[in-house]
Protein backbone atom coordinates (compact mmCIF):
# COMPACT_ATOMS: atom_id res chain seq x y z
CA TRP A 1 -13.44 -17.48 41.12
CA HIS A 2 -15.10 -19.05 44.18
CA TRP A 3 -17.83 -16.57 43.55
CA GLY A 4 -19.80 -18.73 45.99
CA SER A 5 -17.16 -18.91 48.78
CA ARG A 6 -17.74 -17.67 52.40
CA ASP A 7 -14.25 -17.48 52.80
CA ALA A 8 -13.67 -14.35 50.74
CA ALA A 9 -9.85 -14.56 50.85
CA ARG A 10 -10.21 -17.58 48.84
CA ARG A 11 -11.50 -14.84 45.97
CA VAL A 12 -8.80 -12.77 46.39
CA TRP A 13 -5.82 -14.18 46.76
CA PRO A 14 -5.53 -17.37 44.65
CA LEU A 15 -6.09 -14.37 41.73
CA VAL A 16 -3.16 -11.85 43.24
CA ALA A 17 -1.15 -15.16 43.70
CA LEU A 18 -1.38 -16.20 40.49
CA LEU A 19 -0.83 -12.70 38.33
CA ILE A 20 2.50 -12.25 40.80
CA LEU A 21 3.09 -15.84 39.40
CA ALA A 22 2.63 -14.86 35.64
CA GLY A 23 4.64 -12.11 36.60
CA CYS A 24 7.73 -13.64 38.13
CA ALA A 25 7.56 -15.66 34.82
CA LEU A 26 7.41 -13.23 32.48
CA ALA A 27 10.51 -11.30 33.90
CA ALA A 28 12.57 -14.58 34.01
CA LEU A 29 11.58 -15.56 30.39
CA GLY A 30 12.89 -11.30 29.71
CA TYR A 31 16.04 -12.06 31.21
CA LEU A 32 16.93 -15.17 28.94
CA GLN A 33 15.32 -13.97 25.59
CA THR A 34 16.38 -10.24 25.96
CA ASP A 35 19.23 -9.52 23.69
CA TRP A 36 21.70 -7.72 25.91
CA SER A 37 23.81 -6.21 23.43
CA LEU A 38 21.05 -4.34 22.10
CA ALA A 39 19.76 -3.50 25.66
CA GLN A 40 22.70 -1.10 25.79
CA ARG A 41 21.47 0.97 23.03
CA ARG A 42 18.34 1.80 24.83
CA GLY A 43 20.72 4.37 26.98
CA ALA A 44 21.75 1.74 29.33
CA ALA A 45 25.75 1.49 28.72
CA PHE A 46 26.66 2.21 32.10
CA LEU A 47 24.82 -1.15 32.85
CA ALA A 48 27.65 -3.40 30.31
CA PRO A 49 28.65 -5.29 33.84
CA LEU A 50 25.12 -6.44 34.33
CA HIS A 51 24.55 -7.19 30.53
CA SER A 52 27.82 -8.86 30.19
CA PRO A 53 26.81 -11.99 33.14
CA LEU A 54 23.29 -11.80 31.82
CA SER A 55 24.15 -12.83 28.05
CA THR A 56 25.49 -15.75 29.21
CA LEU A 57 22.19 -16.76 29.95
CA PRO A 58 20.85 -20.03 28.00
CA ALA A 59 17.68 -18.72 25.77
CA LEU A 60 15.62 -20.67 25.19
CA GLY A 61 14.47 -20.90 21.10
CA ALA A 62 15.66 -17.94 18.78
CA LYS A 63 13.16 -15.44 18.99
CA ARG A 64 14.14 -12.19 21.06
CA LEU A 65 11.83 -9.84 22.82
CA ASN A 66 11.17 -6.69 23.05
CA PRO A 67 12.24 -5.11 26.47
CA SER A 68 9.26 -2.25 26.00
CA VAL A 69 6.74 -4.84 25.63
CA VAL A 70 7.74 -6.94 28.85
CA GLY A 71 8.52 -4.16 30.18
CA ASN A 72 5.14 -2.38 29.46
CA THR A 73 3.82 -5.92 30.27
CA LEU A 74 5.03 -5.90 34.18
CA LEU A 75 3.60 -2.29 34.64
CA PRO A 76 0.48 -3.11 36.88
CA LEU A 77 2.20 -6.58 37.83
CA ILE A 78 4.93 -4.47 40.36
CA PRO A 79 2.20 -2.60 42.19
CA LEU A 80 0.17 -5.40 43.35
CA ALA A 81 3.07 -7.24 44.31
CA PHE A 82 4.68 -4.77 46.58
CA VAL A 83 0.89 -4.49 48.27
CA ALA A 84 0.31 -7.76 48.67
CA ALA A 85 3.49 -8.51 50.11
CA GLY A 86 2.50 -6.05 52.72
CA ALA A 87 -1.15 -6.92 53.09
CA VAL A 88 -0.37 -10.72 53.41
CA ARG A 89 -0.70 -12.48 56.69
CA HIS A 90 2.29 -15.18 56.33
CA ALA A 91 5.63 -14.51 56.03
CA ALA A 92 6.41 -16.80 53.51
CA ALA A 93 4.08 -15.53 51.74
CA ARG A 94 4.93 -11.76 52.17
CA LEU A 95 9.01 -13.04 51.69
CA GLY A 96 7.75 -14.65 48.28
CA ALA A 97 5.44 -11.51 47.01
CA ALA A 98 8.67 -9.15 48.09
CA LEU A 99 10.68 -10.90 45.74
CA ALA A 100 8.41 -10.94 43.04
CA ALA A 101 8.22 -7.89 43.42
CA LEU A 102 11.59 -6.82 43.33
CA LEU A 103 12.66 -9.62 40.34
CA MET A 104 10.13 -8.06 38.21
CA LEU A 105 11.10 -4.13 39.01
CA SER A 106 14.83 -5.57 38.54
CA TYR A 107 14.48 -6.47 34.79
CA LEU A 108 12.80 -2.99 34.44
CA VAL A 109 16.12 -1.58 35.79
CA VAL A 110 18.48 -3.58 33.91
CA VAL A 111 17.21 -2.87 30.96
CA TRP A 112 16.85 0.47 31.90
CA SER A 113 12.93 1.45 30.74
CA ARG A 114 12.96 4.97 31.73
CA GLY A 115 9.46 5.39 30.40
CA ASP A 116 7.73 2.19 32.35
CA LEU A 117 9.89 3.36 35.22
CA LEU A 118 8.52 7.20 35.03
CA ALA A 119 5.60 5.50 35.14
CA LEU A 120 5.98 3.99 38.48
CA GLY A 121 7.21 7.42 40.19
CA VAL A 122 4.59 8.90 39.13
CA THR A 123 2.18 6.52 40.20
CA ALA A 124 3.96 6.17 43.56
CA LEU A 125 3.81 10.07 43.84
CA LEU A 126 0.01 10.32 42.96
CA ALA A 127 -0.06 7.29 46.02
CA LEU A 128 1.87 9.70 48.41
CA LEU A 129 -0.11 12.37 47.13
CA TRP A 130 -4.20 10.94 47.87
CA ARG A 131 -2.57 9.14 51.56
CA TRP A 132 -1.49 12.93 52.72
CA ARG A 133 -3.66 15.59 52.36
CA GLY A 134 -1.97 19.04 53.32
CA LEU A 135 1.47 17.17 50.67
CA ARG A 136 -1.78 17.20 47.71
CA GLU A 137 -3.13 20.34 48.90
CA ALA A 138 0.66 21.67 48.58
CA ALA A 139 1.58 19.80 45.53
CA LEU A 140 -2.00 21.25 43.77
CA GLY A 141 -1.53 24.54 44.74
CA LEU A 142 2.11 24.73 43.24
CA GLY A 143 0.49 23.23 39.82
CA VAL A 144 -1.76 25.49 39.65
CA GLY A 145 1.03 28.19 39.95
CA ALA A 146 3.27 26.98 37.42
CA VAL A 147 0.50 26.21 34.74
CA GLY A 148 -0.68 29.85 35.52
CA ALA A 149 2.64 31.09 35.63
CA LEU A 150 3.69 29.34 32.01
CA ALA A 151 0.60 30.32 30.65
CA LEU A 152 1.18 34.25 31.21
CA ALA A 153 4.51 33.85 29.93
CA ALA A 154 3.94 32.02 26.74
CA VAL A 155 1.03 34.85 26.29
CA PHE A 156 2.96 38.63 27.42
CA SER A 157 6.60 37.21 26.86
CA PRO A 158 6.47 34.16 24.27
CA SER A 159 10.25 34.01 24.02
CA THR A 160 10.69 32.90 27.70
CA VAL A 161 8.67 29.43 27.89
CA ALA A 162 10.16 28.55 23.62
CA PRO A 163 12.95 26.75 25.50
CA LEU A 164 10.67 24.59 26.84
CA GLY A 165 9.06 23.10 23.36
CA ASP A 166 13.10 22.56 21.93
CA LEU A 167 13.63 21.19 25.10
CA ALA A 168 10.40 18.36 24.65
CA GLY A 169 11.54 18.11 21.45
CA HIS A 170 15.22 17.09 22.24
CA ILE A 171 13.50 14.38 24.78
CA TYR A 172 11.37 12.67 22.50
CA PRO A 173 11.81 13.72 19.06
CA ALA A 174 11.03 9.68 17.53
CA ARG A 175 7.65 9.81 20.01
CA ALA A 176 6.24 13.07 18.63
CA MET A 177 7.02 12.53 14.83
CA VAL A 178 5.19 9.31 15.42
CA TRP A 179 2.56 10.91 17.44
CA THR A 180 1.94 13.17 14.96
CA ARG A 181 1.10 10.94 11.91
CA ALA A 182 -1.40 8.86 14.94
CA LEU A 183 -2.85 12.90 14.66
CA TYR A 184 -3.49 12.92 11.38
CA ILE A 185 -4.73 9.33 11.22
CA ILE A 186 -6.77 9.74 13.19
CA GLY A 187 -8.48 13.08 12.29
CA ASP A 188 -8.95 11.89 8.30
CA HIS A 189 -10.88 8.91 9.96
CA LEU A 190 -13.03 10.27 12.88
CA PHE A 191 -15.96 8.25 12.03
CA THR A 192 -14.43 4.67 11.05
CA GLY A 193 -11.00 4.59 11.96
CA ALA A 194 -8.13 2.98 9.72
CA GLY A 195 -9.01 -0.15 10.99
CA LEU A 196 -6.84 -2.66 13.21
CA ASP A 197 -2.66 -3.28 12.71
CA ASN A 198 -2.92 -0.50 9.20
CA PHE A 199 -0.91 2.10 10.88
CA ARG A 200 2.75 1.11 9.63
CA PRO A 201 1.90 1.37 5.83
CA VAL A 202 -0.83 4.14 6.09
CA ALA A 203 1.55 6.40 8.24
CA ARG A 204 4.54 5.73 6.20
CA ASN A 205 3.03 5.80 2.94
CA SER A 206 -0.18 8.83 3.04
CA TYR A 207 1.57 10.75 5.72
CA PRO A 208 4.87 9.81 5.17
CA TYR A 209 8.07 10.61 7.47
CA PHE A 210 10.79 11.64 5.60
CA ASP A 211 13.14 9.88 7.75
CA PRO A 212 13.47 6.32 6.74
CA ALA A 213 14.45 5.41 9.96
CA PHE A 214 10.66 5.50 11.35
CA ASP A 215 9.13 3.36 8.42
CA GLN A 216 9.67 0.02 10.48
CA THR A 217 7.17 1.79 13.27
CA GLU A 218 4.62 -1.09 13.77
CA HIS A 219 2.53 1.60 15.91
CA ALA A 220 0.79 5.03 17.46
CA HIS A 221 3.16 4.14 20.63
CA SER A 222 0.01 5.82 22.70
CA TRP A 223 -2.66 3.19 23.53
CA PRO A 224 -5.36 6.18 22.77
CA LEU A 225 -3.58 7.75 19.83
CA GLN A 226 -3.80 3.74 18.58
CA ALA A 227 -7.32 3.10 19.58
CA GLY A 228 -8.08 6.20 17.80
CA VAL A 229 -6.02 5.35 14.59
CA ASP A 230 -7.86 1.73 15.19
CA GLY A 231 -11.82 2.92 15.46
CA GLY A 232 -11.04 6.11 15.26
CA ILE A 233 -12.74 9.27 17.73
CA TRP A 234 -15.47 5.75 19.21
CA GLY A 235 -11.30 3.91 19.94
CA MET A 236 -10.32 6.79 21.78
CA ALA A 237 -13.41 7.71 23.47
CA ALA A 238 -13.48 3.29 24.52
CA VAL A 239 -10.18 4.13 26.78
CA VAL A 240 -11.16 7.00 28.46
CA TRP A 241 -14.27 5.10 29.18
CA LEU A 242 -12.26 2.17 30.34
CA ALA A 243 -9.94 4.71 32.57
CA VAL A 244 -13.34 6.30 34.10
CA ALA A 245 -15.12 3.33 34.39
CA PHE A 246 -12.85 2.12 36.31
CA TYR A 247 -11.90 4.62 39.12
CA THR A 248 -15.43 5.08 39.30
CA ALA A 249 -15.60 1.72 40.31
CA ALA A 250 -12.72 1.90 43.10
CA ALA A 251 -14.43 4.34 44.96
CA ARG A 252 -17.49 2.29 45.02
CA ALA A 253 -15.67 -0.27 46.18
CA ALA A 254 -14.34 1.95 48.98
CA LYS A 255 -17.52 2.94 50.52
CA GLN A 256 -19.77 -0.13 49.81
CA ASP A 257 -21.83 -1.31 53.24
CA VAL A 258 -20.76 -4.65 53.64
CA ARG A 259 -19.36 -6.22 56.54
CA PRO A 260 -16.06 -5.29 57.20
CA ALA A 261 -14.92 -9.03 57.93
CA ALA A 262 -16.01 -9.73 54.07
CA SER A 263 -14.57 -7.18 52.52
CA ALA A 264 -11.63 -6.61 54.85
CA VAL A 265 -9.37 -8.45 51.87
CA SER A 266 -10.66 -6.87 48.86
CA SER A 267 -10.27 -4.10 50.84
CA ALA A 268 -6.56 -4.72 51.93
CA VAL A 269 -5.26 -5.90 47.94
CA ARG A 270 -7.36 -2.96 46.22
CA PRO A 271 -5.18 -0.06 46.42
CA GLY A 272 -2.46 -2.36 44.85
CA PHE A 273 -4.68 -2.74 41.50
CA VAL A 274 -5.62 0.56 41.41
CA ALA A 275 -1.87 1.31 41.88
CA GLY A 276 -1.17 -1.40 39.13
CA PHE A 277 -3.83 -0.16 36.63
CA THR A 278 -2.20 3.75 37.18
CA ALA A 279 0.94 2.56 36.45
CA PHE A 280 -0.28 1.00 33.12
CA PHE A 281 -2.24 3.66 31.69
CA ILE A 282 0.08 6.02 32.09
CA GLY A 283 3.24 3.84 30.55
CA LEU A 284 1.41 3.50 27.65
CA LEU A 285 -0.16 6.95 27.62
CA TYR A 286 3.80 7.43 25.82
CA ASP A 287 3.99 4.00 24.92
CA ASN A 288 1.79 1.09 23.43
CA GLY A 289 4.34 -2.12 23.91
CA THR A 290 1.32 -4.41 25.74
CA MET A 291 -1.82 -2.97 23.85
CA SER A 292 -0.03 -3.77 20.50
CA GLY A 293 -0.47 -7.55 20.35
CA PRO A 294 -2.95 -10.19 21.18
CA ARG A 295 -0.41 -12.09 23.52
CA ALA A 296 0.92 -9.64 26.26
CA ALA A 297 -2.37 -7.62 26.04
CA LEU A 298 -3.92 -10.86 27.11
CA VAL A 299 -2.31 -10.06 31.10
CA PHE A 300 -3.58 -7.01 31.51
CA TRP A 301 -6.71 -8.40 30.95
CA LEU A 302 -6.83 -11.26 33.07
CA PHE A 303 -4.98 -8.29 35.40
CA LEU A 304 -8.41 -6.20 35.24
CA GLY A 305 -10.54 -9.14 35.61
CA ALA A 306 -9.48 -9.86 38.50
CA ALA A 307 -9.13 -6.47 39.68
CA LEU A 308 -13.22 -6.97 39.02
CA VAL A 309 -13.38 -8.97 42.12
CA THR A 310 -11.89 -6.47 44.41
CA LEU A 311 -14.01 -3.66 42.78
CA ALA A 312 -17.40 -5.38 43.22
CA PRO A 313 -17.62 -7.17 46.41
CA HIS A 314 -20.23 -9.19 47.59
CA ALA A 315 -21.42 -10.01 51.15
CA ASP A 316 -20.26 -13.77 52.08
CA ALA A 317 -23.10 -15.94 51.29
CA ALA A 318 -23.42 -17.16 55.31
CA ASP A 319 -23.78 -13.24 56.48
CA ASP A 320 -26.81 -12.52 58.28
CA VAL A 321 -26.28 -8.75 57.27
CA LEU A 322 -26.66 -8.83 53.71
CA TYR A 323 -24.99 -5.99 51.32
CA ARG A 324 -27.40 -2.62 51.46
CA ARG A 325 -27.72 -0.54 48.25
CA PRO A 326 -27.67 3.29 49.18
CA PRO A 327 -31.33 4.92 48.36
CA PRO A 328 -30.96 6.11 44.79
CA ALA A 329 -30.41 9.58 44.10
CA PRO A 330 -32.79 11.88 42.85
CA ARG A 331 -32.76 11.10 38.57
CA ARG A 332 -34.70 14.80 38.38
CA GLY A 333 -31.65 16.79 37.90
CA ARG A 334 -29.84 14.03 36.13
CA ILE A 335 -32.24 14.19 33.57
CA ALA A 336 -31.81 17.76 33.26
CA ALA A 337 -28.32 18.28 32.77
CA GLY A 338 -28.56 14.58 30.15
CA ILE A 339 -31.27 16.81 28.04
CA ALA A 340 -29.57 19.59 28.55
CA CYS A 341 -25.93 17.88 26.89
CA LEU A 342 -28.01 16.57 23.87
CA LEU A 343 -29.71 20.17 23.35
CA ALA A 344 -25.97 21.69 23.28
CA GLY A 345 -24.43 19.02 21.28
CA ALA A 346 -27.46 18.79 18.58
CA LEU A 347 -26.70 22.85 18.53
CA LEU A 348 -23.45 22.29 18.28
CA ILE A 349 -23.73 20.07 15.26
CA TRP A 350 -25.97 22.23 13.49
CA ALA A 351 -23.70 24.85 13.75
CA SER A 352 -20.98 22.88 12.16
CA ARG A 353 -22.72 20.58 10.05
CA ASP A 354 -20.84 22.38 7.21
CA TRP A 355 -17.10 20.92 8.69
CA ALA A 356 -19.29 18.09 9.52
CA VAL A 357 -20.29 16.69 6.03
CA GLY A 358 -16.69 18.30 5.41
CA LEU A 359 -14.71 15.44 7.45
CA TRP A 360 -17.40 12.62 6.52
CA HIS A 361 -16.70 12.79 3.17
CA ASN A 362 -13.08 13.42 3.75
CA ASN A 363 -12.74 10.37 5.41
CA LEU A 364 -15.19 8.01 3.04
CA ALA A 365 -11.86 9.15 0.79
CA ASN A 366 -9.35 8.18 2.59
CA VAL A 367 -10.77 4.73 3.30
CA ALA A 368 -11.20 4.05 -0.25
CA ARG A 369 -7.24 5.08 -0.88
CA ASN A 370 -6.72 2.51 1.80
CA GLN A 371 -8.65 0.11 -0.19
CA GLY A 372 -7.55 0.69 -3.10
CA LEU A 373 -3.50 1.08 -2.27
CA TYR A 374 -3.10 -1.93 0.43
CA THR A 375 -6.12 -5.02 -0.46
CA MET A 376 -4.61 -7.40 -2.09
CA GLU A 377 -7.56 -9.04 -3.08
CA MET A 378 -8.13 -6.68 -5.88
CA ASP A 379 -8.11 -6.42 -9.88
CA ASP A 380 -7.04 -3.57 -11.75
CA GLY A 381 -10.20 -2.26 -12.65
CA GLN A 382 -11.37 -2.17 -8.61
CA ARG A 383 -8.51 -0.28 -7.79
CA ALA A 384 -9.18 2.23 -10.32
CA ALA A 385 -12.52 2.97 -9.51
CA LEU A 386 -11.73 3.23 -5.64
CA ALA A 387 -9.13 5.84 -7.50
CA GLY A 388 -11.76 8.46 -8.90
CA ALA A 389 -13.95 7.89 -5.74
CA ALA A 390 -11.74 8.75 -3.46
CA VAL A 391 -10.74 12.13 -5.33
CA ALA A 392 -14.81 12.68 -6.22
CA ASP A 393 -15.23 12.97 -2.28
CA TYR A 394 -12.16 14.68 -1.39
CA ARG A 395 -13.66 17.49 -4.18
CA ARG A 396 -16.82 16.91 -1.89
CA ALA A 397 -14.98 17.45 1.44
CA ILE A 398 -13.10 20.70 0.26
CA ALA A 399 -16.68 21.73 -1.40
CA ALA A 400 -18.77 21.54 1.39
CA ALA A 401 -16.13 22.89 4.05
CA PRO A 402 -13.16 24.89 1.59
CA ASP A 403 -10.88 25.56 4.53
CA LEU A 404 -10.69 22.02 5.22
CA ALA A 405 -7.06 21.62 5.05
CA ALA A 406 -7.32 17.97 5.69
CA ALA A 407 -9.05 17.32 2.24
CA HIS A 408 -6.40 19.63 0.90
CA ARG A 409 -3.44 18.67 1.95
CA ASN A 410 -4.22 14.28 1.23
CA LEU A 411 -5.75 15.50 -2.08
CA GLY A 412 -2.18 16.69 -3.04
CA VAL A 413 -0.76 13.87 -1.40
CA LEU A 414 -3.00 11.42 -4.09
CA TYR A 415 -2.00 13.92 -6.74
CA TRP A 416 1.67 14.19 -5.81
CA GLN A 417 2.19 9.98 -5.95
CA ALA A 418 0.57 10.45 -9.36
CA ALA A 419 2.97 12.43 -10.88
CA GLN A 420 5.12 9.53 -10.36
CA PRO A 421 2.88 6.05 -9.98
CA GLU A 422 5.87 3.72 -11.10
CA GLU A 423 7.99 4.92 -8.06
CA SER A 424 5.12 5.64 -5.62
CA ALA A 425 3.72 1.84 -6.08
CA ARG A 426 7.00 0.50 -5.61
CA HIS A 427 7.54 2.42 -2.14
CA ILE A 428 4.25 0.99 -0.97
CA SER A 429 5.20 -2.27 -1.84
CA TRP A 430 8.41 -2.83 -0.55
CA THR A 431 6.80 -0.94 2.61
CA THR A 432 4.05 -3.31 3.26
CA ALA A 433 6.01 -6.51 2.71
CA LEU A 434 3.03 -7.49 0.08
CA PRO A 435 3.15 -8.47 -3.15
CA LEU A 436 0.88 -5.67 -3.84
CA ARG A 437 -0.12 -3.65 -7.13
CA PRO A 438 -0.59 -0.29 -6.38
CA LEU A 439 0.25 1.12 -10.06
CA ALA A 440 -3.23 0.80 -11.31
CA PHE A 441 -4.35 2.42 -8.25
CA PHE A 442 -2.71 5.69 -9.50
CA SER A 443 -3.94 5.03 -13.27
CA GLY A 444 -7.62 5.61 -11.88
CA VAL A 445 -6.47 9.31 -10.14
CA PRO A 446 -8.39 11.61 -12.76
CA GLN A 447 -6.66 14.43 -14.45
CA PRO A 448 -6.51 17.57 -12.57
CA GLU A 449 -6.61 20.99 -13.92
CA GLY A 450 -2.49 20.76 -15.30
CA SER A 451 -0.28 18.21 -14.78
CA TYR A 452 -0.36 16.48 -11.38
CA MET A 453 2.51 18.08 -9.61
CA GLU A 454 0.96 21.35 -10.39
CA ALA A 455 -2.43 20.14 -8.99
CA ALA A 456 -0.17 18.55 -5.70
CA ARG A 457 2.15 21.73 -5.64
CA ARG A 458 -1.88 23.74 -5.41
CA GLU A 459 -3.15 21.91 -2.89
CA LEU A 460 -0.71 21.35 -0.69
CA ASN A 461 0.20 25.36 -0.76
CA LEU A 462 -3.51 25.64 0.42
CA ALA A 463 -3.15 23.04 2.90
CA LEU A 464 -0.02 24.93 4.47
CA THR A 465 -1.86 28.43 3.97
CA LEU A 466 -4.83 26.76 6.08
CA ALA A 467 -2.59 24.97 8.60
CA PRO A 468 1.06 26.43 9.06
CA GLY A 469 1.49 23.73 11.01
CA ASP A 470 0.87 20.42 9.07
CA VAL A 471 4.27 18.89 8.71
CA VAL A 472 3.54 16.56 6.29
CA ALA A 473 2.29 18.75 3.44
CA GLU A 474 5.67 20.98 4.47
CA GLY A 475 8.00 18.14 4.21
CA ILE A 476 6.80 17.45 0.96
CA MET A 477 7.12 20.80 -0.65
CA GLU A 478 10.32 21.02 0.89
CA HIS A 479 12.44 17.98 0.44
CA LYS A 480 10.52 16.26 -2.60
CA MET A 481 8.52 18.93 -4.39
CA SER A 482 12.12 21.06 -5.05
CA MET A 483 13.83 18.14 -6.20
CA SER A 484 10.85 18.03 -9.16
CA LYS A 485 12.30 21.89 -10.24
């Protein structure tokens, strides 16, 4: 975007203005397309006097927007608009940026998007800590002291900190329910992931919630967890790498040896991009409205692309003072550290090779199970073959790592479903909203020693012995097995 322009402002300000205008349009669309009668159920009943007149606004169509998606998408643009209002020189542009920021922020307040407001508040606090060194050191000391006190209390007086766990369960019980399923899916698909857009069918059928209210949960409500569900450990690593790369580039950009006149504009708006990315990343640690769909996610990728203009500033083409790269640091230490990390990783893999083999076969078994249950383009013979392959890989995983609780739990769940094949097939077809025929899959599950129900109880008991906190195995034993007695 005007990359070869002699004026650095022409490269940055048009992109900033475009993003702010997009945020204004999205906020205005949110005001028009939000179902304000449902907004009061989000804990915003005290804002009912505002919702009543807003409900009379004309809608542009029958489709309503999800306030969480709109709020998540506005998160990176609000700090950018506030910083732009303070950095721009023209009074009219400053007023416009400030009004745009207030418009976007007002939508979060009116729909009472607590998670997004929390992300903005934490970002503002981090900005203050970064700005004032004394405050940063005091906060760091208090944080370390508080964590140390909690750790000591947890070791010497567990009953003292037990109420904190209960408080967290009351604050975010729904998130905890969904996040546990996401963690189970990641652990069982560590190397391959469960595939794109597969969270809902896999979670509610293979890791049941035991609460019908959660059956319609579309995603993991956490960007790192959803990336792990989609792509395994590599997906989570990609999200972490994106954050590390962004902040590394921002730190380097602040130290670039460029002529001040060429980088003044980039330096002025760069804090807005950094604060916007921080707010967005914090907000998506406990929600995933934006990145769960292609349309809203496009706004974030546009924001990130515009940020690159300020994170990688170039000297003007007409400057006689060219950018001077700093002398390269000695690489011997880096090479030695890299070799040491590789050797340590190889040693760790060799020491835990049985667990690695068990996790690999457990992953393969879950992939075969998912294909047999949720793929439409299959005949009965293919489904039955996948069922046999899944059970065989579960047994290989148990043979390689007998203490692998996940393999016992997954095999127990499969036996439990095979004990009631028609009910399981009906539930899977109903919850996926697809005309599937998974009944043939359960007919392909090999007969275990004893009945399917006895085998399910045996495997689930083993899973609970190895992992007492396994809520899926515990839930089946409590809610379902008791009904079969």
